[in-house]
Amino acid sequence: MKTNLAAQREEVFATLRASLSRLNLPTDLVEELIERHIAVAFEKGALVFCEGNTDGMLACILSGYVNVYCPVGDGNRTLVRMAGPGEIIGYPDYVDEKGRHARLFEAQAASKCTLALFSYEHVTRMLTGLPVDALISILAALNTFWSGNLRFFTVLLNLPCWDRLTIVLSDLAKRAGVRDSEGIILIPEVLHEDLAEMIGCSRPMVTQLIAQMVESGLLTRRGKQYVLLKNWDFNQNRSPQKPTRRLQAVPQGRSSTFAPGSSRRTAVASSHPVMAER
């Protein structure tokens, strides 16, 4: 009889297999990666990966949630994504001045979590053994993946704050939600400050938007978790009852324009120095 932990990890690795298959990685390569992973546990608040780090590790989240941040200078950073079980984080994003593959984003445990670590060097060695047509197929899939990420943030950039918040909450519900009789419960605890960073507006603006969503019967709070109620609009239709003038009247502690550096959070010191699909 399988334990709950074993069953959970099987489910996570099934999600990982599905994600990697969309990148056209061969099945045997995926299975070898899964077989050779190292599981590491992190407490809530632990810094999992640092900006500029060249440790050569990738990770798949086995359990819990990890916040992925983009440092914006002066010790500040912006929350880009809350990643959950089955997602890959920590891949190197650029080549530093010494020619090393380094990490642009940093990651911090949003809850107690366990990550499966993989060696980037091992992945590259496995890829070098693939035929040219397989590598071309993987490059094409990666291009589609990054184009999708670019489109997501470009669309977000040009929408009113109500629509940005709707998109972010809908995305969290699809990736980290559980359906019940009322609607979809968001499993991770999400603060107003977190949402403000993810949509590039002020915290007071998010507080007002959430109050309006609750008043409209779209959203409710259950303890520390949000519930997207049954009439939540996953098609991102704009609410005609929320005039833009009223939303813009909120005092701005942050810029309401979604732009790099428009919303920031002070970095937390690492408690465990040691990766986002969009």
C-alpha atoms as a PDB file:
ATOM      1  CA  MET A   1       0.000   0.000   0.000  1.00  0.00           C
ATOM      2  CA  LYS A   2       1.408   3.380  -1.029  1.00  0.00           C
ATOM      3  CA  THR A   3       1.867   6.108   1.555  1.00  0.00           C
ATOM      4  CA  ASN A   4       0.359   9.541   0.990  1.00  0.00           C
ATOM      5  CA  LEU A   5       3.865  10.944   0.389  1.00  0.00           C
ATOM      6  CA  ALA A   6       4.667   8.301  -2.246  1.00  0.00           C
ATOM      7  CA  ALA A   7       1.320   8.868  -3.973  1.00  0.00           C
ATOM      8  CA  GLN A   8       1.862  12.636  -3.930  1.00  0.00           C
ATOM      9  CA  ARG A   9       5.319  12.320  -5.471  1.00  0.00           C
ATOM     10  CA  GLU A  10       4.015  10.006  -8.174  1.00  0.00           C
ATOM     11  CA  GLU A  11       1.416  12.641  -9.022  1.00  0.00           C
ATOM     12  CA  VAL A  12       4.067  15.382  -9.097  1.00  0.00           C
ATOM     13  CA  PHE A  13       6.366  13.362 -11.345  1.00  0.00           C
ATOM     14  CA  ALA A  14       3.407  12.615 -13.633  1.00  0.00           C
ATOM     15  CA  THR A  15       2.916  16.395 -13.909  1.00  0.00           C
ATOM     16  CA  LEU A  16       6.638  16.837 -14.543  1.00  0.00           C
ATOM     17  CA  ARG A  17       6.581  14.171 -17.279  1.00  0.00           C
ATOM     18  CA  ALA A  18       3.683  15.967 -18.960  1.00  0.00           C
ATOM     19  CA  SER A  19       5.496  19.338 -18.738  1.00  0.00           C
ATOM     20  CA  LEU A  20       8.741  17.962 -20.181  1.00  0.00           C
ATOM     21  CA  SER A  21       6.908  16.089 -22.921  1.00  0.00           C
ATOM     22  CA  ARG A  22       5.640  19.471 -24.167  1.00  0.00           C
ATOM     23  CA  LEU A  23       9.308  20.406 -24.614  1.00  0.00           C
ATOM     24  CA  ASN A  24       9.743  17.282 -26.772  1.00  0.00           C
ATOM     25  CA  LEU A  25      12.308  15.697 -24.443  1.00  0.00           C
ATOM     26  CA  PRO A  26      12.703  11.945 -25.067  1.00  0.00           C
ATOM     27  CA  THR A  27      10.950   9.693 -22.538  1.00  0.00           C
ATOM     28  CA  ASP A  28      14.133   7.842 -21.542  1.00  0.00           C
ATOM     29  CA  LEU A  29      15.895  11.151 -20.807  1.00  0.00           C
ATOM     30  CA  VAL A  30      12.997  12.293 -18.604  1.00  0.00           C
ATOM     31  CA  GLU A  31      12.961   8.994 -16.702  1.00  0.00           C
ATOM     32  CA  GLU A  32      16.711   9.143 -16.090  1.00  0.00           C
ATOM     33  CA  LEU A  33      16.396  12.669 -14.703  1.00  0.00           C
ATOM     34  CA  ILE A  34      13.610  11.626 -12.336  1.00  0.00           C
ATOM     35  CA  GLU A  35      15.562   8.569 -11.212  1.00  0.00           C
ATOM     36  CA  ARG A  36      18.644  10.646 -10.331  1.00  0.00           C
ATOM     37  CA  HIS A  37      16.972  13.530  -8.450  1.00  0.00           C
ATOM     38  CA  ILE A  38      17.940  14.574  -4.914  1.00  0.00           C
ATOM     39  CA  ALA A  39      15.053  15.573  -2.624  1.00  0.00           C
ATOM     40  CA  VAL A  40      15.742  18.544  -0.321  1.00  0.00           C
ATOM     41  CA  ALA A  41      13.322  20.024   2.239  1.00  0.00           C
ATOM     42  CA  PHE A  42      13.069  23.773   2.971  1.00  0.00           C
ATOM     43  CA  GLU A  43      11.296  25.604   5.768  1.00  0.00           C
ATOM     44  CA  LYS A  44       8.947  28.495   5.026  1.00  0.00           C
ATOM     45  CA  GLY A  45      10.962  31.650   4.355  1.00  0.00           C
ATOM     46  CA  ALA A  46      14.158  29.837   3.339  1.00  0.00           C
ATOM     47  CA  LEU A  47      15.936  31.314   0.324  1.00  0.00           C
ATOM     48  CA  VAL A  48      16.120  28.416  -2.118  1.00  0.00           C
ATOM     49  CA  PHE A  49      18.023  30.019  -5.011  1.00  0.00           C
ATOM     50  CA  CYS A  50      19.924  33.303  -5.175  1.00  0.00           C
ATOM     51  CA  GLU A  51      20.314  35.796  -8.014  1.00  0.00           C
ATOM     52  CA  GLY A  52      23.627  35.366  -9.830  1.00  0.00           C
ATOM     53  CA  ASN A  53      24.203  31.909  -8.370  1.00  0.00           C
ATOM     54  CA  THR A  54      26.132  29.477 -10.569  1.00  0.00           C
ATOM     55  CA  ASP A  55      25.588  26.276  -8.565  1.00  0.00           C
ATOM     56  CA  GLY A  56      24.373  24.433 -11.683  1.00  0.00           C
ATOM     57  CA  MET A  57      21.148  23.060 -10.186  1.00  0.00           C
ATOM     58  CA  LEU A  58      17.558  22.920 -11.444  1.00  0.00           C
ATOM     59  CA  ALA A  59      14.578  21.945  -9.316  1.00  0.00           C
ATOM     60  CA  CYS A  60      11.093  20.474  -9.552  1.00  0.00           C
ATOM     61  CA  ILE A  61       8.731  21.325  -6.686  1.00  0.00           C
ATOM     62  CA  LEU A  62       7.565  18.090  -5.037  1.00  0.00           C
ATOM     63  CA  SER A  63       5.401  19.709  -2.367  1.00  0.00           C
ATOM     64  CA  GLY A  64       4.568  23.175  -1.084  1.00  0.00           C
ATOM     65  CA  TYR A  65       4.930  26.522  -2.854  1.00  0.00           C
ATOM     66  CA  VAL A  66       7.864  28.711  -3.841  1.00  0.00           C
ATOM     67  CA  ASN A  67       7.815  32.432  -4.667  1.00  0.00           C
ATOM     68  CA  VAL A  68       9.950  33.391  -7.663  1.00  0.00           C
ATOM     69  CA  TYR A  69      11.313  36.951  -7.530  1.00  0.00           C
ATOM     70  CA  CYS A  70      13.093  39.240  -9.974  1.00  0.00           C
ATOM     71  CA  PRO A  71      15.623  41.481  -8.172  1.00  0.00           C
ATOM     72  CA  VAL A  72      15.276  45.080  -9.338  1.00  0.00           C
ATOM     73  CA  GLY A  73      18.289  46.672  -7.621  1.00  0.00           C
ATOM     74  CA  ASP A  74      19.054  48.322  -4.266  1.00  0.00           C
ATOM     75  CA  GLY A  75      18.172  45.131  -2.399  1.00  0.00           C
ATOM     76  CA  ASN A  76      14.579  45.179  -3.698  1.00  0.00           C
ATOM     77  CA  ARG A  77      12.746  42.538  -5.722  1.00  0.00           C
ATOM     78  CA  THR A  78       9.371  41.919  -7.376  1.00  0.00           C
ATOM     79  CA  LEU A  79       7.277  38.765  -7.059  1.00  0.00           C
ATOM     80  CA  VAL A  80       6.878  37.283 -10.543  1.00  0.00           C
ATOM     81  CA  ARG A  81       5.236  33.929  -9.895  1.00  0.00           C
ATOM     82  CA  MET A  82       4.058  31.629  -7.143  1.00  0.00           C
ATOM     83  CA  ALA A  83       5.157  28.172  -8.303  1.00  0.00           C
ATOM     84  CA  GLY A  84       3.666  24.911  -7.035  1.00  0.00           C
ATOM     85  CA  PRO A  85       4.036  21.116  -7.229  1.00  0.00           C
ATOM     86  CA  GLY A  86       5.261  19.811 -10.585  1.00  0.00           C
ATOM     87  CA  GLU A  87       6.748  23.133 -11.739  1.00  0.00           C
ATOM     88  CA  ILE A  88      10.394  23.607 -12.702  1.00  0.00           C
ATOM     89  CA  ILE A  89      12.290  26.529 -11.193  1.00  0.00           C
ATOM     90  CA  GLY A  90      15.874  27.737 -10.941  1.00  0.00           C
ATOM     91  CA  TYR A  91      17.175  27.314 -14.464  1.00  0.00           C
ATOM     92  CA  PRO A  92      20.115  29.599 -15.397  1.00  0.00           C
ATOM     93  CA  ASP A  93      18.859  32.641 -17.297  1.00  0.00           C
ATOM     94  CA  TYR A  94      22.033  34.366 -18.539  1.00  0.00           C
ATOM     95  CA  VAL A  95      25.819  34.099 -18.985  1.00  0.00           C
ATOM     96  CA  ASP A  96      27.770  36.233 -16.489  1.00  0.00           C
ATOM     97  CA  GLU A  97      30.977  38.242 -17.084  1.00  0.00           C
ATOM     98  CA  LYS A  98      33.066  35.119 -16.433  1.00  0.00           C
ATOM     99  CA  GLY A  99      31.172  33.089 -19.034  1.00  0.00           C
ATOM    100  CA  ARG A 100      29.286  31.047 -16.440  1.00  0.00           C
ATOM    101  CA  HIS A 101      25.599  30.148 -16.629  1.00  0.00           C
ATOM    102  CA  ALA A 102      24.023  32.203 -13.837  1.00  0.00           C
ATOM    103  CA  ARG A 103      20.577  32.654 -12.352  1.00  0.00           C
ATOM    104  CA  LEU A 104      18.669  35.901 -12.919  1.00  0.00           C
ATOM    105  CA  PHE A 105      15.700  35.120 -10.643  1.00  0.00           C
ATOM    106  CA  GLU A 106      15.751  34.080  -7.004  1.00  0.00           C
ATOM    107  CA  ALA A 107      13.332  31.800  -5.185  1.00  0.00           C
ATOM    108  CA  GLN A 108      12.080  31.689  -1.601  1.00  0.00           C
ATOM    109  CA  ALA A 109       9.905  29.068   0.066  1.00  0.00           C
ATOM    110  CA  ALA A 110       6.364  30.457   0.453  1.00  0.00           C
ATOM    111  CA  SER A 111       5.526  27.456   2.621  1.00  0.00           C
ATOM    112  CA  LYS A 112       7.288  24.396   3.936  1.00  0.00           C
ATOM    113  CA  CYS A 113       8.296  22.602   0.749  1.00  0.00           C
ATOM    114  CA  THR A 114      10.362  19.816  -0.789  1.00  0.00           C
ATOM    115  CA  LEU A 115      12.264  20.189  -4.062  1.00  0.00           C
ATOM    116  CA  ALA A 116      13.763  17.581  -6.364  1.00  0.00           C
ATOM    117  CA  LEU A 117      17.174  18.894  -7.438  1.00  0.00           C
ATOM    118  CA  PHE A 118      18.772  18.066 -10.786  1.00  0.00           C
ATOM    119  CA  SER A 119      22.239  18.839 -12.128  1.00  0.00           C
ATOM    120  CA  TYR A 120      22.217  21.304 -15.045  1.00  0.00           C
ATOM    121  CA  GLU A 121      25.522  19.804 -16.228  1.00  0.00           C
ATOM    122  CA  HIS A 122      23.982  16.335 -16.261  1.00  0.00           C
ATOM    123  CA  VAL A 123      21.036  17.618 -18.317  1.00  0.00           C
ATOM    124  CA  THR A 124      23.354  19.225 -20.883  1.00  0.00           C
ATOM    125  CA  ARG A 125      25.443  16.038 -21.154  1.00  0.00           C
ATOM    126  CA  MET A 126      22.312  14.047 -21.882  1.00  0.00           C
ATOM    127  CA  LEU A 127      21.166  16.563 -24.484  1.00  0.00           C
ATOM    128  CA  THR A 128      24.504  16.450 -26.353  1.00  0.00           C
ATOM    129  CA  GLY A 129      23.873  12.778 -27.080  1.00  0.00           C
ATOM    130  CA  LEU A 130      20.601  13.456 -28.899  1.00  0.00           C
ATOM    131  CA  PRO A 131      20.324  13.522 -32.709  1.00  0.00           C
ATOM    132  CA  VAL A 132      20.128  16.907 -34.442  1.00  0.00           C
ATOM    133  CA  ASP A 133      16.445  16.608 -35.365  1.00  0.00           C
ATOM    134  CA  ALA A 134      15.555  15.963 -31.703  1.00  0.00           C
ATOM    135  CA  LEU A 135      17.526  19.026 -30.572  1.00  0.00           C
ATOM    136  CA  ILE A 136      15.814  21.187 -33.207  1.00  0.00           C
ATOM    137  CA  SER A 137      12.441  19.963 -31.975  1.00  0.00           C
ATOM    138  CA  ILE A 138      13.374  20.844 -28.362  1.00  0.00           C
ATOM    139  CA  LEU A 139      14.566  24.326 -29.423  1.00  0.00           C
ATOM    140  CA  ALA A 140      11.294  24.932 -31.251  1.00  0.00           C
ATOM    141  CA  ALA A 141       9.304  23.907 -28.165  1.00  0.00           C
ATOM    142  CA  LEU A 142      11.424  26.151 -25.921  1.00  0.00           C
ATOM    143  CA  ASN A 143      10.871  29.061 -28.307  1.00  0.00           C
ATOM    144  CA  THR A 144       7.110  28.493 -28.021  1.00  0.00           C
ATOM    145  CA  PHE A 145       7.396  28.341 -24.227  1.00  0.00           C
ATOM    146  CA  TRP A 146       9.276  31.636 -23.906  1.00  0.00           C
ATOM    147  CA  SER A 147       7.045  33.319 -26.485  1.00  0.00           C
ATOM    148  CA  GLY A 148       4.063  32.323 -24.348  1.00  0.00           C
ATOM    149  CA  ASN A 149       5.710  33.864 -21.287  1.00  0.00           C
ATOM    150  CA  LEU A 150       6.422  37.089 -23.161  1.00  0.00           C
ATOM    151  CA  ARG A 151       2.845  37.280 -24.421  1.00  0.00           C
ATOM    152  CA  PHE A 152       1.440  36.730 -20.912  1.00  0.00           C
ATOM    153  CA  PHE A 153       3.322  39.675 -19.406  1.00  0.00           C
ATOM    154  CA  THR A 154       2.794  41.884 -22.473  1.00  0.00           C
ATOM    155  CA  VAL A 155      -0.979  41.349 -22.253  1.00  0.00           C
ATOM    156  CA  LEU A 156      -0.871  41.976 -18.503  1.00  0.00           C
ATOM    157  CA  LEU A 157       1.040  45.211 -19.143  1.00  0.00           C
ATOM    158  CA  ASN A 158      -1.800  46.696 -21.187  1.00  0.00           C
ATOM    159  CA  LEU A 159      -4.809  45.814 -19.015  1.00  0.00           C
ATOM    160  CA  PRO A 160      -6.620  47.715 -16.237  1.00  0.00           C
ATOM    161  CA  CYS A 161      -5.837  46.550 -12.707  1.00  0.00           C
ATOM    162  CA  TRP A 162      -9.179  44.706 -12.349  1.00  0.00           C
ATOM    163  CA  ASP A 163      -8.340  42.543 -15.370  1.00  0.00           C
ATOM    164  CA  ARG A 164      -4.752  41.957 -14.224  1.00  0.00           C
ATOM    165  CA  LEU A 165      -5.955  40.709 -10.852  1.00  0.00           C
ATOM    166  CA  THR A 166      -8.567  38.498 -12.526  1.00  0.00           C
ATOM    167  CA  ILE A 167      -5.907  36.918 -14.744  1.00  0.00           C
ATOM    168  CA  VAL A 168      -3.476  36.285 -11.865  1.00  0.00           C
ATOM    169  CA  LEU A 169      -6.134  34.775  -9.593  1.00  0.00           C
ATOM    170  CA  SER A 170      -7.465  32.618 -12.440  1.00  0.00           C
ATOM    171  CA  ASP A 171      -3.945  31.370 -13.160  1.00  0.00           C
ATOM    172  CA  LEU A 172      -3.397  30.515  -9.486  1.00  0.00           C
ATOM    173  CA  ALA A 173      -6.742  28.698  -9.382  1.00  0.00           C
ATOM    174  CA  LYS A 174      -5.802  26.554 -12.386  1.00  0.00           C
ATOM    175  CA  ARG A 175      -2.349  25.713 -11.044  1.00  0.00           C
ATOM    176  CA  ALA A 176      -2.875  25.699  -7.275  1.00  0.00           C
ATOM    177  CA  GLY A 177      -6.593  25.384  -6.660  1.00  0.00           C
ATOM    178  CA  VAL A 178      -8.941  22.683  -5.379  1.00  0.00           C
ATOM    179  CA  ARG A 179     -12.608  22.618  -6.354  1.00  0.00           C
ATOM    180  CA  ASP A 180     -15.296  22.278  -3.680  1.00  0.00           C
ATOM    181  CA  SER A 181     -19.028  23.006  -3.366  1.00  0.00           C
ATOM    182  CA  GLU A 182     -18.497  26.798  -3.359  1.00  0.00           C
ATOM    183  CA  GLY A 183     -15.954  27.119  -6.123  1.00  0.00           C
ATOM    184  CA  ILE A 184     -12.160  26.831  -6.257  1.00  0.00           C
ATOM    185  CA  ILE A 185     -10.016  27.251  -3.129  1.00  0.00           C
ATOM    186  CA  LEU A 186      -6.556  28.750  -3.638  1.00  0.00           C
ATOM    187  CA  ILE A 187      -4.304  26.431  -1.632  1.00  0.00           C
ATOM    188  CA  PRO A 188      -1.355  28.801  -1.038  1.00  0.00           C
ATOM    189  CA  GLU A 189      -1.785  31.756   1.306  1.00  0.00           C
ATOM    190  CA  VAL A 190      -1.628  34.912  -0.826  1.00  0.00           C
ATOM    191  CA  LEU A 191      -1.161  38.357   0.727  1.00  0.00           C
ATOM    192  CA  HIS A 192      -2.469  41.615  -0.761  1.00  0.00           C
ATOM    193  CA  GLU A 193       1.165  42.706  -1.066  1.00  0.00           C
ATOM    194  CA  ASP A 194       1.945  39.564  -3.089  1.00  0.00           C
ATOM    195  CA  LEU A 195      -0.928  40.252  -5.499  1.00  0.00           C
ATOM    196  CA  ALA A 196       0.096  43.901  -5.799  1.00  0.00           C
ATOM    197  CA  GLU A 197       3.594  42.853  -6.873  1.00  0.00           C
ATOM    198  CA  MET A 198       2.294  40.292  -9.366  1.00  0.00           C
ATOM    199  CA  ILE A 199       0.001  42.797 -11.123  1.00  0.00           C
ATOM    200  CA  GLY A 200       2.168  45.915 -10.721  1.00  0.00           C
ATOM    201  CA  CYS A 201      -0.100  48.173  -8.675  1.00  0.00           C
ATOM    202  CA  SER A 202      -0.438  49.498  -5.116  1.00  0.00           C
ATOM    203  CA  ARG A 203      -1.470  47.387  -2.142  1.00  0.00           C
ATOM    204  CA  PRO A 204      -4.465  49.713  -1.415  1.00  0.00           C
ATOM    205  CA  MET A 205      -5.606  49.196  -5.007  1.00  0.00           C
ATOM    206  CA  VAL A 206      -5.574  45.401  -4.542  1.00  0.00           C
ATOM    207  CA  THR A 207      -7.459  45.722  -1.248  1.00  0.00           C
ATOM    208  CA  GLN A 208     -10.182  47.779  -2.975  1.00  0.00           C
ATOM    209  CA  LEU A 209     -10.378  45.419  -5.962  1.00  0.00           C
ATOM    210  CA  ILE A 210     -10.748  42.377  -3.719  1.00  0.00           C
ATOM    211  CA  ALA A 211     -13.465  44.130  -1.711  1.00  0.00           C
ATOM    212  CA  GLN A 212     -15.330  44.826  -4.961  1.00  0.00           C
ATOM    213  CA  MET A 213     -14.941  41.214  -6.080  1.00  0.00           C
ATOM    214  CA  VAL A 214     -16.322  40.017  -2.739  1.00  0.00           C
ATOM    215  CA  GLU A 215     -19.221  42.487  -3.022  1.00  0.00           C
ATOM    216  CA  SER A 216     -19.918  41.243  -6.572  1.00  0.00           C
ATOM    217  CA  GLY A 217     -20.134  37.623  -5.397  1.00  0.00           C
ATOM    218  CA  LEU A 218     -17.024  36.553  -7.323  1.00  0.00           C
ATOM    219  CA  LEU A 219     -14.656  35.935  -4.428  1.00  0.00           C
ATOM    220  CA  THR A 220     -14.728  35.122  -0.728  1.00  0.00           C
ATOM    221  CA  ARG A 221     -12.245  34.484   2.056  1.00  0.00           C
ATOM    222  CA  ARG A 222     -12.112  31.268   4.073  1.00  0.00           C
ATOM    223  CA  GLY A 223      -9.625  31.605   6.899  1.00  0.00           C
ATOM    224  CA  LYS A 224      -6.318  32.534   5.251  1.00  0.00           C
ATOM    225  CA  GLN A 225      -7.358  31.277   1.807  1.00  0.00           C
ATOM    226  CA  TYR A 226      -9.330  32.813  -1.038  1.00  0.00           C
ATOM    227  CA  VAL A 227     -12.179  31.014  -2.778  1.00  0.00           C
ATOM    228  CA  LEU A 228     -13.085  31.831  -6.389  1.00  0.00           C
ATOM    229  CA  LEU A 229     -16.842  31.358  -6.336  1.00  0.00           C
ATOM    230  CA  LYS A 230     -18.822  29.490  -8.983  1.00  0.00           C
ATOM    231  CA  ASN A 231     -19.676  32.609 -10.996  1.00  0.00           C
ATOM    232  CA  TRP A 232     -16.000  33.606 -11.286  1.00  0.00           C
ATOM    233  CA  ASP A 233     -15.272  34.575 -14.900  1.00  0.00           C
ATOM    234  CA  PHE A 234     -12.333  32.546 -16.245  1.00  0.00           C
ATOM    235  CA  ASN A 235     -12.769  34.252 -19.643  1.00  0.00           C
ATOM    236  CA  GLN A 236     -11.398  37.467 -18.100  1.00  0.00           C
ATOM    237  CA  ASN A 237     -14.451  39.539 -19.025  1.00  0.00           C
ATOM    238  CA  ARG A 238     -14.239  43.037 -17.614  1.00  0.00           C
ATOM    239  CA  SER A 239     -16.793  44.007 -14.961  1.00  0.00           C
ATOM    240  CA  PRO A 240     -18.968  46.867 -16.305  1.00  0.00           C
ATOM    241  CA  GLN A 241     -19.789  47.867 -12.722  1.00  0.00           C
ATOM    242  CA  LYS A 242     -16.224  48.952 -11.905  1.00  0.00           C
ATOM    243  CA  PRO A 243     -15.510  52.376 -13.491  1.00  0.00           C
ATOM    244  CA  THR A 244     -11.834  53.122 -14.026  1.00  0.00           C
ATOM    245  CA  ARG A 245     -12.086  56.580 -12.376  1.00  0.00           C
ATOM    246  CA  ARG A 246     -13.039  55.024  -9.053  1.00  0.00           C
ATOM    247  CA  LEU A 247     -10.110  52.616  -9.088  1.00  0.00           C
ATOM    248  CA  GLN A 248      -7.604  55.329  -9.955  1.00  0.00           C
ATOM    249  CA  ALA A 249      -8.739  57.425  -7.006  1.00  0.00           C
ATOM    250  CA  VAL A 250      -6.973  55.099  -4.559  1.00  0.00           C
ATOM    251  CA  PRO A 251      -3.773  56.670  -3.074  1.00  0.00           C
ATOM    252  CA  GLN A 252      -0.847  55.178  -4.926  1.00  0.00           C
ATOM    253  CA  GLY A 253       1.898  53.651  -2.775  1.00  0.00           C
ATOM    254  CA  ARG A 254       3.033  51.951  -5.986  1.00  0.00           C
ATOM    255  CA  SER A 255       2.786  52.836  -9.637  1.00  0.00           C
ATOM    256  CA  SER A 256      -0.345  51.448 -11.304  1.00  0.00           C
ATOM    257  CA  THR A 257       1.644  50.783 -14.465  1.00  0.00           C
ATOM    258  CA  PHE A 258       2.999  47.267 -14.808  1.00  0.00           C
ATOM    259  CA  ALA A 259       6.678  47.930 -15.419  1.00  0.00           C
ATOM    260  CA  PRO A 260      10.015  46.701 -14.079  1.00  0.00           C
ATOM    261  CA  GLY A 261      10.544  48.069 -10.611  1.00  0.00           C
ATOM    262  CA  SER A 262       6.968  49.375 -10.278  1.00  0.00           C
ATOM    263  CA  SER A 263       6.358  47.134  -7.287  1.00  0.00           C
ATOM    264  CA  ARG A 264       9.057  45.943  -4.942  1.00  0.00           C
ATOM    265  CA  ARG A 265       9.679  43.939  -1.816  1.00  0.00           C
ATOM    266  CA  THR A 266      12.755  44.105   0.371  1.00  0.00           C
ATOM    267  CA  ALA A 267      14.829  40.976   0.047  1.00  0.00           C
ATOM    268  CA  VAL A 268      14.818  38.551   2.965  1.00  0.00           C
ATOM    269  CA  ALA A 269      18.169  37.204   4.152  1.00  0.00           C
ATOM    270  CA  SER A 270      18.926  33.648   3.167  1.00  0.00           C
ATOM    271  CA  SER A 271      18.344  30.949   5.743  1.00  0.00           C
ATOM    272  CA  HIS A 272      19.435  28.206   3.341  1.00  0.00           C
ATOM    273  CA  PRO A 273      21.802  29.241   0.529  1.00  0.00           C
ATOM    274  CA  VAL A 274      21.940  26.523  -1.947  1.00  0.00           C
ATOM    275  CA  MET A 275      14.731  27.743  -9.559  1.00  0.00           C
ATOM    276  CA  ALA A 276       9.599  29.382 -13.216  1.00  0.00           C
ATOM    277  CA  GLU A 277       7.851  28.063 -15.746  1.00  0.00           C
ATOM    278  CA  ARG A 278       6.024  31.219 -16.318  1.00  0.00           C
END
